[in-house]
Amino acid sequence: AVTLEKAGGGIILTASHNPIQWNALKLLNEKGEFISAADGALVLKIAEEERFDFANVEKLGSYEKNDHYIRKHIELIKKHKLVDTKAIKKAKFKIVVDAVNSTGGIAIPELLEELGVKKIKRLYCEPTGRFPHNPEPLPEHLREICKVVKKGGYDLGIVVDPDVDRLALVQEDGVPFGEEYTLVAVAD
């Protein structure tokens, strides 16, 4: 959304993998990336020195709600030169998704449907923010999806953390393919 809107930055309100009471801000730069340590230090310095204008509540301005960015993101993924939707549909994949009741429970199944995945089983895909298990996508927290993948004859399990910036996979035999390997495997 930051890059598509050509915004100067973005703010994500999230507790990440922590309970609701830990909600805080994640700051993004103009590229839609997390700000650097140096930029973070500058933000803190500005806050400590109170080098900002305080806006009176009657003069806060306006905001616009736009909930189309999941759809826009999916369209960009489908247009990517390395995404072959015909091959995915032809493979008739069966996939289980565990989104620990985050927005990943909306985005991931919608993406899989658009890619032509034959069967999608949803585990904890209601975005309530209430975690059904420890949300760290580590093997010891993925026992349920591992059993479902193996027993149900699924091809893959997809697990995301609550703010959907980490991905872990479960292989067809129910063995986790750790989140620390997913980026390397995709790059390879």
C-alpha atoms as a PDB file:
ATOM      1  CA  ALA A   1       0.000   0.000   0.000  1.00  0.00           C
ATOM      2  CA  VAL A   2       2.853   2.408   0.798  1.00  0.00           C
ATOM      3  CA  THR A   3       4.425   2.068  -2.635  1.00  0.00           C
ATOM      4  CA  LEU A   4       1.141   1.954  -4.548  1.00  0.00           C
ATOM      5  CA  GLU A   5      -0.008   5.132  -2.785  1.00  0.00           C
ATOM      6  CA  LYS A   6       3.431   6.716  -3.251  1.00  0.00           C
ATOM      7  CA  ALA A   7       3.326   7.516   0.461  1.00  0.00           C
ATOM      8  CA  GLY A   8       6.263   8.805   2.473  1.00  0.00           C
ATOM      9  CA  GLY A   9       5.935   5.874   4.858  1.00  0.00           C
ATOM     10  CA  GLY A  10       3.494   3.652   6.663  1.00  0.00           C
ATOM     11  CA  ILE A  11       2.454   2.544  10.129  1.00  0.00           C
ATOM     12  CA  ILE A  12       1.361  -0.969  11.049  1.00  0.00           C
ATOM     13  CA  LEU A  13      -0.530  -1.439  14.305  1.00  0.00           C
ATOM     14  CA  THR A  14       0.350  -4.923  15.544  1.00  0.00           C
ATOM     15  CA  ALA A  15       1.453  -6.959  18.504  1.00  0.00           C
ATOM     16  CA  SER A  16       3.128  -9.354  16.076  1.00  0.00           C
ATOM     17  CA  HIS A  17       3.336 -12.718  17.826  1.00  0.00           C
ATOM     18  CA  ASN A  18       2.487 -11.237  21.223  1.00  0.00           C
ATOM     19  CA  PRO A  19      -0.948 -11.023  22.894  1.00  0.00           C
ATOM     20  CA  ILE A  20      -3.297  -8.118  22.080  1.00  0.00           C
ATOM     21  CA  GLN A  21      -2.195  -5.944  25.012  1.00  0.00           C
ATOM     22  CA  TRP A  22       1.240  -5.611  23.374  1.00  0.00           C
ATOM     23  CA  ASN A  23      -0.061  -3.804  20.276  1.00  0.00           C
ATOM     24  CA  ALA A  24       2.394  -1.164  19.124  1.00  0.00           C
ATOM     25  CA  LEU A  25       3.594   0.501  15.943  1.00  0.00           C
ATOM     26  CA  LYS A  26       5.837  -0.817  13.187  1.00  0.00           C
ATOM     27  CA  LEU A  27       7.128   2.006  11.020  1.00  0.00           C
ATOM     28  CA  LEU A  28       7.784   1.663   7.291  1.00  0.00           C
ATOM     29  CA  ASN A  29       9.836   3.855   4.965  1.00  0.00           C
ATOM     30  CA  GLU A  30       8.761   5.092   1.521  1.00  0.00           C
ATOM     31  CA  LYS A  31       9.697   1.700  -0.001  1.00  0.00           C
ATOM     32  CA  GLY A  32       7.295  -0.165   2.294  1.00  0.00           C
ATOM     33  CA  GLU A  33      10.230  -1.629   4.235  1.00  0.00           C
ATOM     34  CA  PHE A  34      10.747  -1.533   7.987  1.00  0.00           C
ATOM     35  CA  ILE A  35      12.707   1.571   8.894  1.00  0.00           C
ATOM     36  CA  SER A  36      16.415   1.173   9.577  1.00  0.00           C
ATOM     37  CA  ALA A  37      18.004   1.339  13.026  1.00  0.00           C
ATOM     38  CA  ALA A  38      19.310   4.819  12.171  1.00  0.00           C
ATOM     39  CA  ASP A  39      15.859   6.037  11.139  1.00  0.00           C
ATOM     40  CA  GLY A  40      14.383   4.501  14.276  1.00  0.00           C
ATOM     41  CA  ALA A  41      16.930   6.327  16.416  1.00  0.00           C
ATOM     42  CA  LEU A  42      16.019   9.580  14.645  1.00  0.00           C
ATOM     43  CA  VAL A  43      12.299   9.039  15.327  1.00  0.00           C
ATOM     44  CA  LEU A  44      13.052   8.419  19.005  1.00  0.00           C
ATOM     45  CA  LYS A  45      15.256  11.515  19.162  1.00  0.00           C
ATOM     46  CA  ILE A  46      12.493  13.661  17.630  1.00  0.00           C
ATOM     47  CA  ALA A  47      10.027  12.233  20.167  1.00  0.00           C
ATOM     48  CA  GLU A  48      12.366  12.759  23.142  1.00  0.00           C
ATOM     49  CA  GLU A  49      13.143  16.330  22.107  1.00  0.00           C
ATOM     50  CA  GLU A  50       9.448  16.925  21.376  1.00  0.00           C
ATOM     51  CA  ARG A  51      10.385  18.358  17.969  1.00  0.00           C
ATOM     52  CA  PHE A  52       6.923  17.971  16.508  1.00  0.00           C
ATOM     53  CA  ASP A  53       3.704  19.925  16.313  1.00  0.00           C
ATOM     54  CA  PHE A  54       0.928  18.657  18.538  1.00  0.00           C
ATOM     55  CA  ALA A  55      -2.358  18.545  16.634  1.00  0.00           C
ATOM     56  CA  ASN A  56      -5.437  19.545  18.557  1.00  0.00           C
ATOM     57  CA  VAL A  57      -8.050  16.795  18.428  1.00  0.00           C
ATOM     58  CA  GLU A  58     -10.436  19.083  16.496  1.00  0.00           C
ATOM     59  CA  LYS A  59      -7.772  19.579  13.811  1.00  0.00           C
ATOM     60  CA  LEU A  60      -6.536  16.048  13.206  1.00  0.00           C
ATOM     61  CA  GLY A  61      -7.584  16.099   9.571  1.00  0.00           C
ATOM     62  CA  SER A  62      -9.188  13.192   7.806  1.00  0.00           C
ATOM     63  CA  TYR A  63      -8.504   9.625   6.855  1.00  0.00           C
ATOM     64  CA  GLU A  64      -9.552   7.325   4.080  1.00  0.00           C
ATOM     65  CA  LYS A  65     -10.372   3.652   4.475  1.00  0.00           C
ATOM     66  CA  ASN A  66      -9.226   1.394   1.650  1.00  0.00           C
ATOM     67  CA  ASP A  67      -9.499  -2.344   2.155  1.00  0.00           C
ATOM     68  CA  HIS A  68      -8.527  -3.336  -1.382  1.00  0.00           C
ATOM     69  CA  TYR A  69      -4.843  -3.952  -0.805  1.00  0.00           C
ATOM     70  CA  ILE A  70      -5.068  -7.696  -0.243  1.00  0.00           C
ATOM     71  CA  ARG A  71      -6.787  -7.938  -3.630  1.00  0.00           C
ATOM     72  CA  LYS A  72      -4.168  -5.646  -5.231  1.00  0.00           C
ATOM     73  CA  HIS A  73      -1.362  -7.726  -3.713  1.00  0.00           C
ATOM     74  CA  ILE A  74      -2.876 -10.953  -5.043  1.00  0.00           C
ATOM     75  CA  GLU A  75      -3.171  -9.451  -8.526  1.00  0.00           C
ATOM     76  CA  LEU A  76       0.513  -8.439  -8.427  1.00  0.00           C
ATOM     77  CA  ILE A  77       1.491 -11.961  -7.366  1.00  0.00           C
ATOM     78  CA  LYS A  78      -0.543 -13.499 -10.196  1.00  0.00           C
ATOM     79  CA  LYS A  79       1.144 -11.187 -12.726  1.00  0.00           C
ATOM     80  CA  HIS A  80       4.656 -12.098 -11.553  1.00  0.00           C
ATOM     81  CA  LYS A  81       6.628 -13.803 -14.325  1.00  0.00           C
ATOM     82  CA  LEU A  82       7.589 -16.761 -12.103  1.00  0.00           C
ATOM     83  CA  VAL A  83       4.007 -17.565 -11.049  1.00  0.00           C
ATOM     84  CA  ASP A  84       2.448 -20.155 -13.340  1.00  0.00           C
ATOM     85  CA  THR A  85      -1.234 -20.327 -12.401  1.00  0.00           C
ATOM     86  CA  LYS A  86      -1.963 -22.889 -15.144  1.00  0.00           C
ATOM     87  CA  ALA A  87       0.638 -25.286 -13.730  1.00  0.00           C
ATOM     88  CA  ILE A  88      -0.652 -24.742 -10.188  1.00  0.00           C
ATOM     89  CA  LYS A  89      -4.235 -25.448 -11.230  1.00  0.00           C
ATOM     90  CA  LYS A  90      -3.165 -28.505 -13.234  1.00  0.00           C
ATOM     91  CA  ALA A  91      -1.307 -29.924 -10.204  1.00  0.00           C
ATOM     92  CA  LYS A  92      -4.594 -30.016  -8.191  1.00  0.00           C
ATOM     93  CA  PHE A  93      -2.815 -29.136  -4.968  1.00  0.00           C
ATOM     94  CA  LYS A  94      -4.441 -29.728  -1.600  1.00  0.00           C
ATOM     95  CA  ILE A  95      -3.151 -27.290   1.017  1.00  0.00           C
ATOM     96  CA  VAL A  96      -3.776 -26.646   4.724  1.00  0.00           C
ATOM     97  CA  VAL A  97      -3.458 -23.080   6.054  1.00  0.00           C
ATOM     98  CA  ASP A  98      -2.901 -22.158   9.719  1.00  0.00           C
ATOM     99  CA  ALA A  99      -3.091 -18.383  10.117  1.00  0.00           C
ATOM    100  CA  VAL A 100      -3.367 -18.267  13.954  1.00  0.00           C
ATOM    101  CA  ASN A 101      -6.521 -16.135  13.579  1.00  0.00           C
ATOM    102  CA  SER A 102      -4.720 -13.308  11.788  1.00  0.00           C
ATOM    103  CA  THR A 103      -5.361 -11.457   8.540  1.00  0.00           C
ATOM    104  CA  GLY A 104      -3.352 -14.219   6.909  1.00  0.00           C
ATOM    105  CA  GLY A 105      -6.563 -16.219   7.273  1.00  0.00           C
ATOM    106  CA  ILE A 106      -8.124 -13.873   4.732  1.00  0.00           C
ATOM    107  CA  ALA A 107      -5.179 -13.310   2.397  1.00  0.00           C
ATOM    108  CA  ILE A 108      -3.603 -16.778   2.108  1.00  0.00           C
ATOM    109  CA  PRO A 109      -6.763 -18.783   1.251  1.00  0.00           C
ATOM    110  CA  GLU A 110      -7.884 -16.043  -1.163  1.00  0.00           C
ATOM    111  CA  LEU A 111      -4.497 -16.172  -2.902  1.00  0.00           C
ATOM    112  CA  LEU A 112      -4.575 -19.977  -3.099  1.00  0.00           C
ATOM    113  CA  GLU A 113      -8.082 -19.910  -4.588  1.00  0.00           C
ATOM    114  CA  GLU A 114      -6.950 -17.390  -7.199  1.00  0.00           C
ATOM    115  CA  LEU A 115      -3.961 -19.582  -8.061  1.00  0.00           C
ATOM    116  CA  GLY A 116      -6.259 -22.554  -8.684  1.00  0.00           C
ATOM    117  CA  VAL A 117      -5.478 -24.718  -5.652  1.00  0.00           C
ATOM    118  CA  LYS A 118      -7.978 -27.607  -5.690  1.00  0.00           C
ATOM    119  CA  LYS A 119      -8.617 -27.976  -1.936  1.00  0.00           C
ATOM    120  CA  ILE A 120      -7.881 -25.584   0.920  1.00  0.00           C
ATOM    121  CA  LYS A 121      -8.372 -26.575   4.537  1.00  0.00           C
ATOM    122  CA  ARG A 122      -8.458 -23.608   6.902  1.00  0.00           C
ATOM    123  CA  LEU A 123      -7.163 -23.894  10.461  1.00  0.00           C
ATOM    124  CA  TYR A 124      -7.620 -20.793  12.589  1.00  0.00           C
ATOM    125  CA  CYS A 125      -8.350 -18.415   9.730  1.00  0.00           C
ATOM    126  CA  GLU A 126     -10.824 -16.121  11.517  1.00  0.00           C
ATOM    127  CA  PRO A 127      -8.984 -12.816  12.098  1.00  0.00           C
ATOM    128  CA  THR A 128      -9.956 -12.468  15.769  1.00  0.00           C
ATOM    129  CA  GLY A 129      -6.415 -11.876  17.035  1.00  0.00           C
ATOM    130  CA  ARG A 130      -6.896 -14.631  19.622  1.00  0.00           C
ATOM    131  CA  PHE A 131      -4.189 -17.231  19.157  1.00  0.00           C
ATOM    132  CA  PRO A 132      -5.288 -20.881  19.369  1.00  0.00           C
ATOM    133  CA  HIS A 133      -1.681 -21.941  20.026  1.00  0.00           C
ATOM    134  CA  ASN A 134       1.695 -20.318  20.421  1.00  0.00           C
ATOM    135  CA  PRO A 135       1.943 -18.181  17.251  1.00  0.00           C
ATOM    136  CA  GLU A 136       5.706 -18.526  16.737  1.00  0.00           C
ATOM    137  CA  PRO A 137       5.929 -20.692  13.578  1.00  0.00           C
ATOM    138  CA  LEU A 138       8.341 -23.130  15.197  1.00  0.00           C
ATOM    139  CA  PRO A 139       8.071 -26.933  14.827  1.00  0.00           C
ATOM    140  CA  GLU A 140       6.969 -27.448  18.433  1.00  0.00           C
ATOM    141  CA  HIS A 141       3.954 -25.159  17.816  1.00  0.00           C
ATOM    142  CA  LEU A 142       2.944 -26.756  14.509  1.00  0.00           C
ATOM    143  CA  ARG A 143       1.950 -30.224  15.712  1.00  0.00           C
ATOM    144  CA  GLU A 144      -1.730 -29.879  14.784  1.00  0.00           C
ATOM    145  CA  ILE A 145      -1.173 -28.759  11.183  1.00  0.00           C
ATOM    146  CA  CYS A 146       1.545 -31.407  10.768  1.00  0.00           C
ATOM    147  CA  LYS A 147      -0.952 -34.131  11.734  1.00  0.00           C
ATOM    148  CA  VAL A 148      -3.665 -32.702   9.468  1.00  0.00           C
ATOM    149  CA  VAL A 149      -1.305 -32.495   6.472  1.00  0.00           C
ATOM    150  CA  LYS A 150      -0.032 -36.047   6.913  1.00  0.00           C
ATOM    151  CA  LYS A 151      -3.349 -37.743   7.759  1.00  0.00           C
ATOM    152  CA  GLY A 152      -5.364 -35.831   5.159  1.00  0.00           C
ATOM    153  CA  GLY A 153      -3.021 -36.510   2.281  1.00  0.00           C
ATOM    154  CA  TYR A 154      -2.334 -32.828   1.706  1.00  0.00           C
ATOM    155  CA  ASP A 155       0.510 -31.606  -0.466  1.00  0.00           C
ATOM    156  CA  LEU A 156       1.551 -28.713   1.743  1.00  0.00           C
ATOM    157  CA  GLY A 157       0.871 -26.858   4.946  1.00  0.00           C
ATOM    158  CA  ILE A 158       1.253 -23.082   5.109  1.00  0.00           C
ATOM    159  CA  VAL A 159       1.713 -21.336   8.452  1.00  0.00           C
ATOM    160  CA  VAL A 160       2.065 -17.609   9.029  1.00  0.00           C
ATOM    161  CA  ASP A 161       2.690 -15.592  12.150  1.00  0.00           C
ATOM    162  CA  PRO A 162       0.055 -13.083  13.327  1.00  0.00           C
ATOM    163  CA  ASP A 163       1.301 -10.094  11.336  1.00  0.00           C
ATOM    164  CA  VAL A 164       1.952 -12.340   8.335  1.00  0.00           C
ATOM    165  CA  ASP A 165       5.575 -11.371   7.823  1.00  0.00           C
ATOM    166  CA  ARG A 166       6.921 -14.851   8.515  1.00  0.00           C
ATOM    167  CA  LEU A 167       6.160 -18.068   6.696  1.00  0.00           C
ATOM    168  CA  ALA A 168       6.701 -21.693   7.636  1.00  0.00           C
ATOM    169  CA  LEU A 169       5.826 -24.671   5.484  1.00  0.00           C
ATOM    170  CA  VAL A 170       4.849 -28.230   6.347  1.00  0.00           C
ATOM    171  CA  GLN A 171       5.895 -30.909   3.869  1.00  0.00           C
ATOM    172  CA  GLU A 172       3.475 -33.542   2.565  1.00  0.00           C
ATOM    173  CA  ASP A 173       4.819 -36.072   5.090  1.00  0.00           C
ATOM    174  CA  GLY A 174       3.843 -33.759   7.966  1.00  0.00           C
ATOM    175  CA  VAL A 175       7.416 -32.662   8.689  1.00  0.00           C
ATOM    176  CA  PRO A 176       7.912 -28.901   9.150  1.00  0.00           C
ATOM    177  CA  PHE A 177      10.145 -27.062   6.719  1.00  0.00           C
ATOM    178  CA  GLY A 178      11.291 -24.317   9.065  1.00  0.00           C
ATOM    179  CA  GLU A 179      10.583 -20.650   8.456  1.00  0.00           C
ATOM    180  CA  GLU A 180      14.293 -19.895   8.549  1.00  0.00           C
ATOM    181  CA  TYR A 181      14.677 -21.914   5.316  1.00  0.00           C
ATOM    182  CA  THR A 182      11.708 -20.618   3.298  1.00  0.00           C
ATOM    183  CA  LEU A 183      13.360 -17.473   1.924  1.00  0.00           C
ATOM    184  CA  VAL A 184      16.532 -19.379   1.042  1.00  0.00           C
ATOM    185  CA  ALA A 185      14.537 -22.113  -0.717  1.00  0.00           C
ATOM    186  CA  VAL A 186      12.524 -19.598  -2.722  1.00  0.00           C
ATOM    187  CA  ALA A 187      15.648 -17.685  -3.691  1.00  0.00           C
ATOM    188  CA  ASP A 188      17.303 -20.947  -4.745  1.00  0.00           C
END
